[in-house]
PDB file of N, CA and C in Angstrom:
ATOM      1  N   MET A   1      94.792 135.020  99.172  1.00  0.00           N
ATOM      2  CA  MET A   1      95.165 133.636  99.439  1.00  0.00           C
ATOM      3  C   MET A   1      96.676 133.482  99.228  1.00  0.00           C
ATOM      4  N   PRO A   2      97.411 132.966 100.242  1.00  0.00           N
ATOM      5  CA  PRO A   2      98.866 132.830 100.101  1.00  0.00           C
ATOM      6  C   PRO A   2      99.235 131.781  99.058  1.00  0.00           C
ATOM      7  N   GLU A   3     100.394 131.988  98.476  1.00  0.00           N
ATOM      8  CA  GLU A   3     100.890 131.038  97.480  1.00  0.00           C
ATOM      9  C   GLU A   3     101.479 129.811  98.152  1.00  0.00           C
ATOM     10  N   ASN A   4     101.494 128.710  97.422  1.00  0.00           N
ATOM     11  CA  ASN A   4     102.148 127.501  97.915  1.00  0.00           C
ATOM     12  C   ASN A   4     103.660 127.695  97.912  1.00  0.00           C
ATOM     13  N   ILE A   5     104.340 126.876  98.704  1.00  0.00           N
ATOM     14  CA  ILE A   5     105.796 126.937  98.825  1.00  0.00           C
ATOM     15  C   ILE A   5     106.395 125.742  98.100  1.00  0.00           C
ATOM     16  N   ASN A   6     107.365 125.990  97.230  1.00  0.00           N
ATOM     17  CA  ASN A   6     108.081 124.896  96.573  1.00  0.00           C
ATOM     18  C   ASN A   6     109.125 124.354  97.529  1.00  0.00           C
ATOM     19  N   VAL A   7     109.163 123.033  97.681  1.00  0.00           N
ATOM     20  CA  VAL A   7     110.168 122.381  98.516  1.00  0.00           C
ATOM     21  C   VAL A   7     110.708 121.174  97.772  1.00  0.00           C
ATOM     22  N   GLU A   8     111.880 120.737  98.183  1.00  0.00           N
ATOM     23  CA  GLU A   8     112.442 119.494  97.650  1.00  0.00           C
ATOM     24  C   GLU A   8     112.354 118.443  98.748  1.00  0.00           C
ATOM     25  N   ILE A   9     111.709 117.348  98.439  1.00  0.00           N
ATOM     26  CA  ILE A   9     111.613 116.222  99.365  1.00  0.00           C
ATOM     27  C   ILE A   9     112.864 115.364  99.189  1.00  0.00           C
ATOM     28  N   SER A  10     113.467 114.967 100.286  1.00  0.00           N
ATOM     29  CA  SER A  10     114.591 114.031 100.285  1.00  0.00           C
ATOM     30  C   SER A  10     114.176 112.874 101.192  1.00  0.00           C
ATOM     31  N   MET A  11     113.768 111.771 100.576  1.00  0.00           N
ATOM     32  CA  MET A  11     113.159 110.657 101.309  1.00  0.00           C
ATOM     33  C   MET A  11     114.130 109.488 101.473  1.00  0.00           C
ATOM     34  N   ARG A  12     114.253 109.034 102.710  1.00  0.00           N
ATOM     35  CA  ARG A  12     115.038 107.833 103.001  1.00  0.00           C
ATOM     36  C   ARG A  12     114.076 106.662 103.132  1.00  0.00           C
ATOM     37  N   LEU A  13     114.422 105.579 102.446  1.00  0.00           N
ATOM     38  CA  LEU A  13     113.610 104.361 102.503  1.00  0.00           C
ATOM     39  C   LEU A  13     114.319 103.292 103.314  1.00  0.00           C
ATOM     40  N   PRO A  14     113.552 102.415 103.959  1.00  0.00           N
ATOM     41  CA  PRO A  14     114.183 101.246 104.571  1.00  0.00           C
ATOM     42  C   PRO A  14     114.637 100.287 103.469  1.00  0.00           C
ATOM     43  N   ASN A  15     115.404  99.291 103.846  1.00  0.00           N
ATOM     44  CA  ASN A  15     115.807  98.274 102.879  1.00  0.00           C
ATOM     45  C   ASN A  15     114.572  97.551 102.364  1.00  0.00           C
ATOM     46  N   VAL A  16     114.658  97.063 101.134  1.00  0.00           N
ATOM     47  CA  VAL A  16     113.532  96.375 100.501  1.00  0.00           C
ATOM     48  C   VAL A  16     113.913  94.920 100.290  1.00  0.00           C
ATOM     49  N   THR A  17     113.074  94.020 100.784  1.00  0.00           N
ATOM     50  CA  THR A  17     113.283  92.585 100.568  1.00  0.00           C
ATOM     51  C   THR A  17     112.410  92.147  99.401  1.00  0.00           C
ATOM     52  N   VAL A  18     113.054  91.587  98.382  1.00  0.00           N
ATOM     53  CA  VAL A  18     112.343  91.138  97.177  1.00  0.00           C
ATOM     54  C   VAL A  18     112.292  89.618  97.199  1.00  0.00           C
ATOM     55  N   ARG A  19     111.069  89.126  97.256  1.00  0.00           N
ATOM     56  CA  ARG A  19     110.869  87.671  97.245  1.00  0.00           C
ATOM     57  C   ARG A  19     110.202  87.278  95.937  1.00  0.00           C
ATOM     58  N   SER A  20     110.703  86.215  95.357  1.00  0.00           N
ATOM     59  CA  SER A  20     110.162  85.740  94.093  1.00  0.00           C
ATOM     60  C   SER A  20     110.285  84.222  94.059  1.00  0.00           C
ATOM     61  N   PRO A  21     109.250  83.550  93.538  1.00  0.00           N
ATOM     62  CA  PRO A  21     109.350  82.092  93.453  1.00  0.00           C
ATOM     63  C   PRO A  21     110.418  81.628  92.460  1.00  0.00           C
ATOM     64  N   GLN A  22     110.765  82.502  91.493  1.00  0.00           N
ATOM     65  CA  GLN A  22     111.738  82.136  90.469  1.00  0.00           C
ATOM     66  C   GLN A  22     113.178  82.412  90.889  1.00  0.00           C
ATOM     67  N   GLU A  23     113.388  83.300  91.878  1.00  0.00           N
ATOM     68  CA  GLU A  23     114.741  83.695  92.269  1.00  0.00           C
ATOM     69  C   GLU A  23     114.905  83.606  93.776  1.00  0.00           C
ATOM     70  N   ALA A  24     116.144  83.633  94.192  1.00  0.00           N
ATOM     71  CA  ALA A  24     116.431  83.674  95.629  1.00  0.00           C
ATOM     72  C   ALA A  24     116.018  85.044  96.185  1.00  0.00           C
ATOM     73  N   THR A  25     115.645  85.073  97.446  1.00  0.00           N
ATOM     74  CA  THR A  25     115.292  86.328  98.103  1.00  0.00           C
ATOM     75  C   THR A  25     116.512  87.241  98.110  1.00  0.00           C
ATOM     76  N   ARG A  26     116.281  88.532  97.796  1.00  0.00           N
ATOM     77  CA  ARG A  26     117.383  89.488  97.812  1.00  0.00           C
ATOM     78  C   ARG A  26     116.942  90.743  98.557  1.00  0.00           C
ATOM     79  N   VAL A  27     117.925  91.440  99.100  1.00  0.00           N
ATOM     80  CA  VAL A  27     117.668  92.661  99.853  1.00  0.00           C
ATOM     81  C   VAL A  27     118.308  93.838  99.127  1.00  0.00           C
ATOM     82  N   ILE A  28     117.512  94.878  98.888  1.00  0.00           N
ATOM     83  CA  ILE A  28     118.015  96.103  98.277  1.00  0.00           C
ATOM     84  C   ILE A  28     118.291  97.073  99.428  1.00  0.00           C
ATOM     85  N   VAL A  29     119.546  97.446  99.591  1.00  0.00           N
ATOM     86  CA  VAL A  29     119.961  98.325 100.683  1.00  0.00           C
ATOM     87  C   VAL A  29     119.829  99.777 100.222  1.00  0.00           C
ATOM     88  N   ASN A  30     119.061 100.559 100.972  1.00  0.00           N
ATOM     89  CA  ASN A  30     118.813 101.955 100.609  1.00  0.00           C
ATOM     90  C   ASN A  30     119.484 102.958 101.547  1.00  0.00           C
ATOM     91  N   ALA A  31     120.410 102.502 102.376  1.00  0.00           N
ATOM     92  CA  ALA A  31     121.041 103.387 103.367  1.00  0.00           C
ATOM     93  C   ALA A  31     121.780 104.547 102.713  1.00  0.00           C
ATOM     94  N   ASP A  32     122.347 104.346 101.541  1.00  0.00           N
ATOM     95  CA  ASP A  32     123.159 105.369 100.889  1.00  0.00           C
ATOM     96  C   ASP A  32     122.467 106.029  99.697  1.00  0.00           C
ATOM     97  N   VAL A  33     121.122 105.992  99.683  1.00  0.00           N
ATOM     98  CA  VAL A  33     120.359 106.585  98.587  1.00  0.00           C
ATOM     99  C   VAL A  33     119.219 107.411  99.170  1.00  0.00           C
ATOM    100  N   ARG A  34     118.974 108.569  98.582  1.00  0.00           N
ATOM    101  CA  ARG A  34     117.794 109.359  98.926  1.00  0.00           C
ATOM    102  C   ARG A  34     116.997 109.557  97.651  1.00  0.00           C
ATOM    103  N   PHE A  35     115.712 109.477  97.775  1.00  0.00           N
ATOM    104  CA  PHE A  35     114.818 109.706  96.645  1.00  0.00           C
ATOM    105  C   PHE A  35     114.282 111.122  96.766  1.00  0.00           C
ATOM    106  N   THR A  36     114.464 111.919  95.704  1.00  0.00           N
ATOM    107  CA  THR A  36     114.097 113.324  95.763  1.00  0.00           C
ATOM    108  C   THR A  36     113.006 113.655  94.751  1.00  0.00           C
ATOM    109  N   LYS A  37     112.220 114.657  95.123  1.00  0.00           N
ATOM    110  CA  LYS A  37     111.131 115.132  94.276  1.00  0.00           C
ATOM    111  C   LYS A  37     110.791 116.543  94.730  1.00  0.00           C
ATOM    112  N   ARG A  38     110.474 117.409  93.802  1.00  0.00           N
ATOM    113  CA  ARG A  38     110.019 118.757  94.157  1.00  0.00           C
ATOM    114  C   ARG A  38     108.498 118.782  94.146  1.00  0.00           C
ATOM    115  N   ILE A  39     107.961 119.376  95.210  1.00  0.00           N
ATOM    116  CA  ILE A  39     106.509 119.486  95.338  1.00  0.00           C
ATOM    117  C   ILE A  39     106.164 120.880  95.851  1.00  0.00           C
ATOM    118  N   GLU A  40     104.889 121.214  95.797  1.00  0.00           N
ATOM    119  CA  GLU A  40     104.377 122.445  96.396  1.00  0.00           C
ATOM    120  C   GLU A  40     103.578 122.071  97.629  1.00  0.00           C
ATOM    121  N   VAL A  41     103.769 122.842  98.703  1.00  0.00           N
ATOM    122  CA  VAL A  41     103.021 122.629  99.940  1.00  0.00           C
ATOM    123  C   VAL A  41     102.391 123.958 100.360  1.00  0.00           C
ATOM    124  N   PRO A  42     101.231 123.902 101.018  1.00  0.00           N
ATOM    125  CA  PRO A  42     100.586 125.146 101.439  1.00  0.00           C
ATOM    126  C   PRO A  42     101.344 125.846 102.571  1.00  0.00           C
ATOM    127  N   VAL A  43     101.980 125.073 103.454  1.00  0.00           N
ATOM    128  CA  VAL A  43     102.796 125.619 104.547  1.00  0.00           C
ATOM    129  C   VAL A  43     104.050 124.781 104.671  1.00  0.00           C
ATOM    130  N   LEU A  44     105.114 125.381 105.154  1.00  0.00           N
ATOM    131  CA  LEU A  44     106.369 124.667 105.333  1.00  0.00           C
ATOM    132  C   LEU A  44     106.203 123.611 106.432  1.00  0.00           C
ATOM    133  N   PRO A  45     106.490 122.342 106.131  1.00  0.00           N
ATOM    134  CA  PRO A  45     106.333 121.309 107.149  1.00  0.00           C
ATOM    135  C   PRO A  45     107.333 121.498 108.286  1.00  0.00           C
ATOM    136  N   ARG A  46     106.984 120.946 109.442  1.00  0.00           N
ATOM    137  CA  ARG A  46     107.859 120.996 110.614  1.00  0.00           C
ATOM    138  C   ARG A  46     108.332 119.593 110.957  1.00  0.00           C
ATOM    139  N   THR A  47     109.435 119.532 111.686  1.00  0.00           N
ATOM    140  CA  THR A  47     109.948 118.246 112.146  1.00  0.00           C
ATOM    141  C   THR A  47     108.845 117.510 112.907  1.00  0.00           C
ATOM    142  N   GLY A  48     108.655 116.237 112.553  1.00  0.00           N
ATOM    143  CA  GLY A  48     107.628 115.413 113.187  1.00  0.00           C
ATOM    144  C   GLY A  48     106.324 115.353 112.424  1.00  0.00           C
ATOM    145  N   ASP A  49     106.115 116.273 111.475  1.00  0.00           N
ATOM    146  CA  ASP A  49     104.894 116.242 110.669  1.00  0.00           C
ATOM    147  C   ASP A  49     104.869 114.994 109.795  1.00  0.00           C
ATOM    148  N   THR A  50     103.677 114.551 109.462  1.00  0.00           N
ATOM    149  CA  THR A  50     103.486 113.433 108.550  1.00  0.00           C
ATOM    150  C   THR A  50     102.920 113.985 107.244  1.00  0.00           C
ATOM    151  N   LEU A  51     103.515 113.569 106.133  1.00  0.00           N
ATOM    152  CA  LEU A  51     103.039 113.954 104.807  1.00  0.00           C
ATOM    153  C   LEU A  51     102.675 112.688 104.049  1.00  0.00           C
ATOM    154  N   GLU A  52     101.832 112.850 103.042  1.00  0.00           N
ATOM    155  CA  GLU A  52     101.525 111.733 102.158  1.00  0.00           C
ATOM    156  C   GLU A  52     101.944 112.151 100.750  1.00  0.00           C
ATOM    157  N   LEU A  53     102.880 111.408 100.183  1.00  0.00           N
ATOM    158  CA  LEU A  53     103.439 111.741  98.877  1.00  0.00           C
ATOM    159  C   LEU A  53     102.930 110.760  97.824  1.00  0.00           C
ATOM    160  N   SER A  54     102.873 111.223  96.596  1.00  0.00           N
ATOM    161  CA  SER A  54     102.364 110.364  95.523  1.00  0.00           C
ATOM    162  C   SER A  54     103.488 109.790  94.679  1.00  0.00           C
ATOM    163  N   ILE A  55     103.227 108.586  94.218  1.00  0.00           N
ATOM    164  CA  ILE A  55     104.093 107.899  93.259  1.00  0.00           C
ATOM    165  C   ILE A  55     103.180 107.449  92.135  1.00  0.00           C
ATOM    166  N   ARG A  56     103.638 107.587  90.904  1.00  0.00           N
ATOM    167  CA  ARG A  56     102.804 107.146  89.782  1.00  0.00           C
ATOM    168  C   ARG A  56     102.455 105.680  89.942  1.00  0.00           C
ATOM    169  N   GLY A  57     101.319 105.315  89.435  1.00  0.00           N
ATOM    170  CA  GLY A  57     100.826 103.965  89.629  1.00  0.00           C
ATOM    171  C   GLY A  57      99.751 103.963  90.709  1.00  0.00           C
ATOM    172  N   GLY A  58      99.415 105.168  91.196  1.00  0.00           N
ATOM    173  CA  GLY A  58      98.349 105.289  92.177  1.00  0.00           C
ATOM    174  C   GLY A  58      98.771 105.085  93.626  1.00  0.00           C
ATOM    175  N   PHE A  59     100.062 105.018  93.876  1.00  0.00           N
ATOM    176  CA  PHE A  59     100.524 104.791  95.246  1.00  0.00           C
ATOM    177  C   PHE A  59     100.644 106.109  96.000  1.00  0.00           C
ATOM    178  N   ARG A  60     100.269 106.072  97.275  1.00  0.00           N
ATOM    179  CA  ARG A  60     100.450 107.184  98.204  1.00  0.00           C
ATOM    180  C   ARG A  60     101.312 106.653  99.335  1.00  0.00           C
ATOM    181  N   VAL A  61     102.418 107.337  99.619  1.00  0.00           N
ATOM    182  CA  VAL A  61     103.328 106.844 100.657  1.00  0.00           C
ATOM    183  C   VAL A  61     103.400 107.842 101.813  1.00  0.00           C
ATOM    184  N   PRO A  62     103.322 107.321 103.042  1.00  0.00           N
ATOM    185  CA  PRO A  62     103.445 108.199 104.207  1.00  0.00           C
ATOM    186  C   PRO A  62     104.914 108.435 104.536  1.00  0.00           C
ATOM    187  N   VAL A  63     105.238 109.660 104.909  1.00  0.00           N
ATOM    188  CA  VAL A  63     106.599 109.987 105.346  1.00  0.00           C
ATOM    189  C   VAL A  63     106.519 110.844 106.605  1.00  0.00           C
ATOM    190  N   THR A  64     107.577 110.776 107.391  1.00  0.00           N
ATOM    191  CA  THR A  64     107.697 111.600 108.581  1.00  0.00           C
ATOM    192  C   THR A  64     108.841 112.585 108.374  1.00  0.00           C
ATOM    193  N   VAL A  65     108.582 113.860 108.589  1.00  0.00           N
ATOM    194  CA  VAL A  65     109.594 114.900 108.402  1.00  0.00           C
ATOM    195  C   VAL A  65     110.614 114.813 109.533  1.00  0.00           C
ATOM    196  N   LYS A  66     111.889 114.710 109.172  1.00  0.00           N
ATOM    197  CA  LYS A  66     112.978 114.640 110.144  1.00  0.00           C
ATOM    198  C   LYS A  66     113.669 115.984 110.325  1.00  0.00           C
ATOM    199  N   ARG A  67     113.740 116.768 109.258  1.00  0.00           N
ATOM    200  CA  ARG A  67     114.328 118.108 109.358  1.00  0.00           C
ATOM    201  C   ARG A  67     113.984 118.901 108.111  1.00  0.00           C
ATOM    202  N   VAL A  68     114.065 120.226 108.243  1.00  0.00           N
ATOM    203  CA  VAL A  68     113.815 121.140 107.128  1.00  0.00           C
ATOM    204  C   VAL A  68     114.950 122.159 107.126  1.00  0.00           C
ATOM    205  N   ASP A  69     115.643 122.261 106.000  1.00  0.00           N
ATOM    206  CA  ASP A  69     116.786 123.165 105.890  1.00  0.00           C
ATOM    207  C   ASP A  69     116.679 123.988 104.610  1.00  0.00           C
ATOM    208  N   TRP A  70     117.140 125.238 104.690  1.00  0.00           N
ATOM    209  CA  TRP A  70     117.252 126.072 103.491  1.00  0.00           C
ATOM    210  C   TRP A  70     118.541 125.692 102.773  1.00  0.00           C
ATOM    211  N   HIS A  71     118.476 125.501 101.468  1.00  0.00           N
ATOM    212  CA  HIS A  71     119.649 125.165 100.658  1.00  0.00           C
ATOM    213  C   HIS A  71     119.959 126.369  99.773  1.00  0.00           C
ATOM    214  N   ASP A  72     121.034 127.072 100.106  1.00  0.00           N
ATOM    215  CA  ASP A  72     121.386 128.307  99.384  1.00  0.00           C
ATOM    216  C   ASP A  72     121.611 128.088  97.894  1.00  0.00           C
ATOM    217  N   GLU A  73     122.360 127.051  97.531  1.00  0.00           N
ATOM    218  CA  GLU A  73     122.688 126.825  96.124  1.00  0.00           C
ATOM    219  C   GLU A  73     121.452 126.530  95.280  1.00  0.00           C
ATOM    220  N   LYS A  74     120.519 125.773  95.844  1.00  0.00           N
ATOM    221  CA  LYS A  74     119.295 125.428  95.112  1.00  0.00           C
ATOM    222  C   LYS A  74     118.228 126.504  95.254  1.00  0.00           C
ATOM    223  N   GLY A  75     118.330 127.328  96.301  1.00  0.00           N
ATOM    224  CA  GLY A  75     117.323 128.359  96.533  1.00  0.00           C
ATOM    225  C   GLY A  75     115.978 127.784  96.920  1.00  0.00           C
ATOM    226  N   ILE A  76     115.998 126.711  97.727  1.00  0.00           N
ATOM    227  CA  ILE A  76     114.770 126.005  98.071  1.00  0.00           C
ATOM    228  C   ILE A  76     114.939 125.325  99.433  1.00  0.00           C
ATOM    229  N   PHE A  77     113.826 125.127 100.128  1.00  0.00           N
ATOM    230  CA  PHE A  77     113.861 124.352 101.363  1.00  0.00           C
ATOM    231  C   PHE A  77     113.942 122.870 101.008  1.00  0.00           C
ATOM    232  N   VAL A  78     114.814 122.138 101.706  1.00  0.00           N
ATOM    233  CA  VAL A  78     114.926 120.690 101.539  1.00  0.00           C
ATOM    234  C   VAL A  78     114.297 120.053 102.776  1.00  0.00           C
ATOM    235  N   VAL A  79     113.302 119.211 102.536  1.00  0.00           N
ATOM    236  CA  VAL A  79     112.571 118.539 103.602  1.00  0.00           C
ATOM    237  C   VAL A  79     113.052 117.089 103.651  1.00  0.00           C
ATOM    238  N   ALA A  80     113.845 116.770 104.675  1.00  0.00           N
ATOM    239  CA  ALA A  80     114.364 115.407 104.835  1.00  0.00           C
ATOM    240  C   ALA A  80     113.304 114.566 105.540  1.00  0.00           C
ATOM    241  N   CYS A  81     112.960 113.439 104.923  1.00  0.00           N
ATOM    242  CA  CYS A  81     111.886 112.580 105.433  1.00  0.00           C
ATOM    243  C   CYS A  81     112.341 111.130 105.500  1.00  0.00           C
ATOM    244  N   HIS A  82     111.683 110.377 106.361  1.00  0.00           N
ATOM    245  CA  HIS A  82     111.829 108.918 106.403  1.00  0.00           C
ATOM    246  C   HIS A  82     110.503 108.309 106.000  1.00  0.00           C
ATOM    247  N   TYR A  83     110.579 107.221 105.260  1.00  0.00           N
ATOM    248  CA  TYR A  83     109.373 106.475 104.913  1.00  0.00           C
ATOM    249  C   TYR A  83     108.651 106.131 106.209  1.00  0.00           C
ATOM    250  N   GLY A  84     107.340 106.270 106.224  1.00  0.00           N
ATOM    251  CA  GLY A  84     106.565 106.170 107.448  1.00  0.00           C
ATOM    252  C   GLY A  84     106.260 104.780 107.964  1.00  0.00           C
ATOM    253  N   LYS A  85     106.622 103.749 107.240  1.00  0.00           N
ATOM    254  CA  LYS A  85     106.361 102.379 107.693  1.00  0.00           C
ATOM    255  C   LYS A  85     107.671 101.620 107.820  1.00  0.00           C
ATOM    256  N   ARG A  86     107.610 100.454 108.442  1.00  0.00           N
ATOM    257  CA  ARG A  86     108.829  99.659 108.663  1.00  0.00           C
ATOM    258  C   ARG A  86     109.389  99.048 107.385  1.00  0.00           C
ATOM    259  N   SER A  87     108.511  98.776 106.425  1.00  0.00           N
ATOM    260  CA  SER A  87     108.986  98.159 105.185  1.00  0.00           C
ATOM    261  C   SER A  87     108.245  98.748 103.990  1.00  0.00           C
ATOM    262  N   VAL A  88     108.897  98.663 102.839  1.00  0.00           N
ATOM    263  CA  VAL A  88     108.341  99.166 101.584  1.00  0.00           C
ATOM    264  C   VAL A  88     107.920  97.962 100.745  1.00  0.00           C
ATOM    265  N   PRO A  89     106.656  97.882 100.353  1.00  0.00           N
ATOM    266  CA  PRO A  89     106.258  96.793  99.453  1.00  0.00           C
ATOM    267  C   PRO A  89     107.040  96.866  98.142  1.00  0.00           C
ATOM    268  N   SER A  90     107.386  95.721  97.595  1.00  0.00           N
ATOM    269  CA  SER A  90     108.217  95.704  96.380  1.00  0.00           C
ATOM    270  C   SER A  90     107.527  96.380  95.199  1.00  0.00           C
ATOM    271  N   ASP A  91     106.187  96.331  95.103  1.00  0.00           N
ATOM    272  CA  ASP A  91     105.514  96.996  93.985  1.00  0.00           C
ATOM    273  C   ASP A  91     105.581  98.525  94.125  1.00  0.00           C
ATOM    274  N   VAL A  92     105.537  99.034  95.356  1.00  0.00           N
ATOM    275  CA  VAL A  92     105.690 100.472  95.582  1.00  0.00           C
ATOM    276  C   VAL A  92     107.113 100.891  95.218  1.00  0.00           C
ATOM    277  N   TYR A  93     108.095 100.107  95.636  1.00  0.00           N
ATOM    278  CA  TYR A  93     109.495 100.414  95.322  1.00  0.00           C
ATOM    279  C   TYR A  93     109.732 100.394  93.805  1.00  0.00           C
ATOM    280  N   ALA A  94     109.174  99.405  93.128  1.00  0.00           N
ATOM    281  CA  ALA A  94     109.342  99.305  91.673  1.00  0.00           C
ATOM    282  C   ALA A  94     108.733 100.523  90.979  1.00  0.00           C
ATOM    283  N   SER A  95     107.575 100.977  91.437  1.00  0.00           N
ATOM    284  CA  SER A  95     106.947 102.159  90.846  1.00  0.00           C
ATOM    285  C   SER A  95     107.768 103.414  91.110  1.00  0.00           C
ATOM    286  N   LEU A  96     108.316 103.509  92.312  1.00  0.00           N
ATOM    287  CA  LEU A  96     109.159 104.654  92.658  1.00  0.00           C
ATOM    288  C   LEU A  96     110.388 104.723  91.757  1.00  0.00           C
ATOM    289  N   LYS A  97     111.006 103.581  91.487  1.00  0.00           N
ATOM    290  CA  LYS A  97     112.224 103.537  90.665  1.00  0.00           C
ATOM    291  C   LYS A  97     111.987 103.994  89.223  1.00  0.00           C
ATOM    292  N   VAL A  98     110.781 103.802  88.701  1.00  0.00           N
ATOM    293  CA  VAL A  98     110.510 104.173  87.303  1.00  0.00           C
ATOM    294  C   VAL A  98     109.710 105.466  87.178  1.00  0.00           C
ATOM    295  N   ASP A  99     109.313 106.060  88.287  1.00  0.00           N
ATOM    296  CA  ASP A  99     108.548 107.309  88.257  1.00  0.00           C
ATOM    297  C   ASP A  99     109.483 108.448  87.844  1.00  0.00           C
ATOM    298  N   PRO A 100     109.203 109.137  86.718  1.00  0.00           N
ATOM    299  CA  PRO A 100     110.097 110.197  86.259  1.00  0.00           C
ATOM    300  C   PRO A 100     110.112 111.436  87.172  1.00  0.00           C
ATOM    301  N   ASP A 101     109.173 111.540  88.099  1.00  0.00           N
ATOM    302  CA  ASP A 101     109.140 112.676  89.025  1.00  0.00           C
ATOM    303  C   ASP A 101     110.105 112.488  90.196  1.00  0.00           C
ATOM    304  N   TRP A 102     110.516 111.266  90.451  1.00  0.00           N
ATOM    305  CA  TRP A 102     111.415 110.945  91.548  1.00  0.00           C
ATOM    306  C   TRP A 102     112.804 110.636  91.017  1.00  0.00           C
ATOM    307  N   PHE A 103     113.827 111.079  91.742  1.00  0.00           N
ATOM    308  CA  PHE A 103     115.208 110.822  91.357  1.00  0.00           C
ATOM    309  C   PHE A 103     115.933 110.119  92.502  1.00  0.00           C
ATOM    310  N   ALA A 104     116.670 109.062  92.172  1.00  0.00           N
ATOM    311  CA  ALA A 104     117.501 108.376  93.170  1.00  0.00           C
ATOM    312  C   ALA A 104     118.843 109.100  93.230  1.00  0.00           C
ATOM    313  N   LYS A 105     119.155 109.630  94.407  1.00  0.00           N
ATOM    314  CA  LYS A 105     120.384 110.404  94.581  1.00  0.00           C
ATOM    315  C   LYS A 105     121.316 109.640  95.534  1.00  0.00           C
ATOM    316  N   PRO A 106     122.433 109.095  94.997  1.00  0.00           N
ATOM    317  CA  PRO A 106     123.378 108.385  95.860  1.00  0.00           C
ATOM    318  C   PRO A 106     124.080 109.355  96.814  1.00  0.00           C
ATOM    319  N   LEU A 107     124.272 108.930  98.031  1.00  0.00           N
ATOM    320  CA  LEU A 107     125.066 109.694  98.986  1.00  0.00           C
ATOM    321  C   LEU A 107     126.484 109.190  98.850  1.00  0.00           C
ATOM    322  N   LEU A 108     127.397 110.027  98.564  1.00  0.00           N
ATOM    323  CA  LEU A 108     128.785 109.623  98.359  1.00  0.00           C
ATOM    324  C   LEU A 108     129.089 108.395  99.103  1.00  0.00           C
TER     325      LEU A 108
END
């Protein structure tokens, strides 16, 4: 039985609109941030594949693979993904921000 492959997920999220009865509506812009996590996959994903990733709190998020590149310095494949839906629910975003398995990586 072949071993799983370690990859680093680099996920781009759409902007998040936070609505609250106590505060004015605000928009969190995610254009310059990628959320990263290392996972094991049975086969290397291809561009266009759909994956389902987990976030603590019981959330499963769909992503679409945009590209897969080998990263020499890290010694790992980096799988660039986009969130699979048009918008991110604020409770999913809040769980993602506090999940210790996910890291918010600013793009210069």
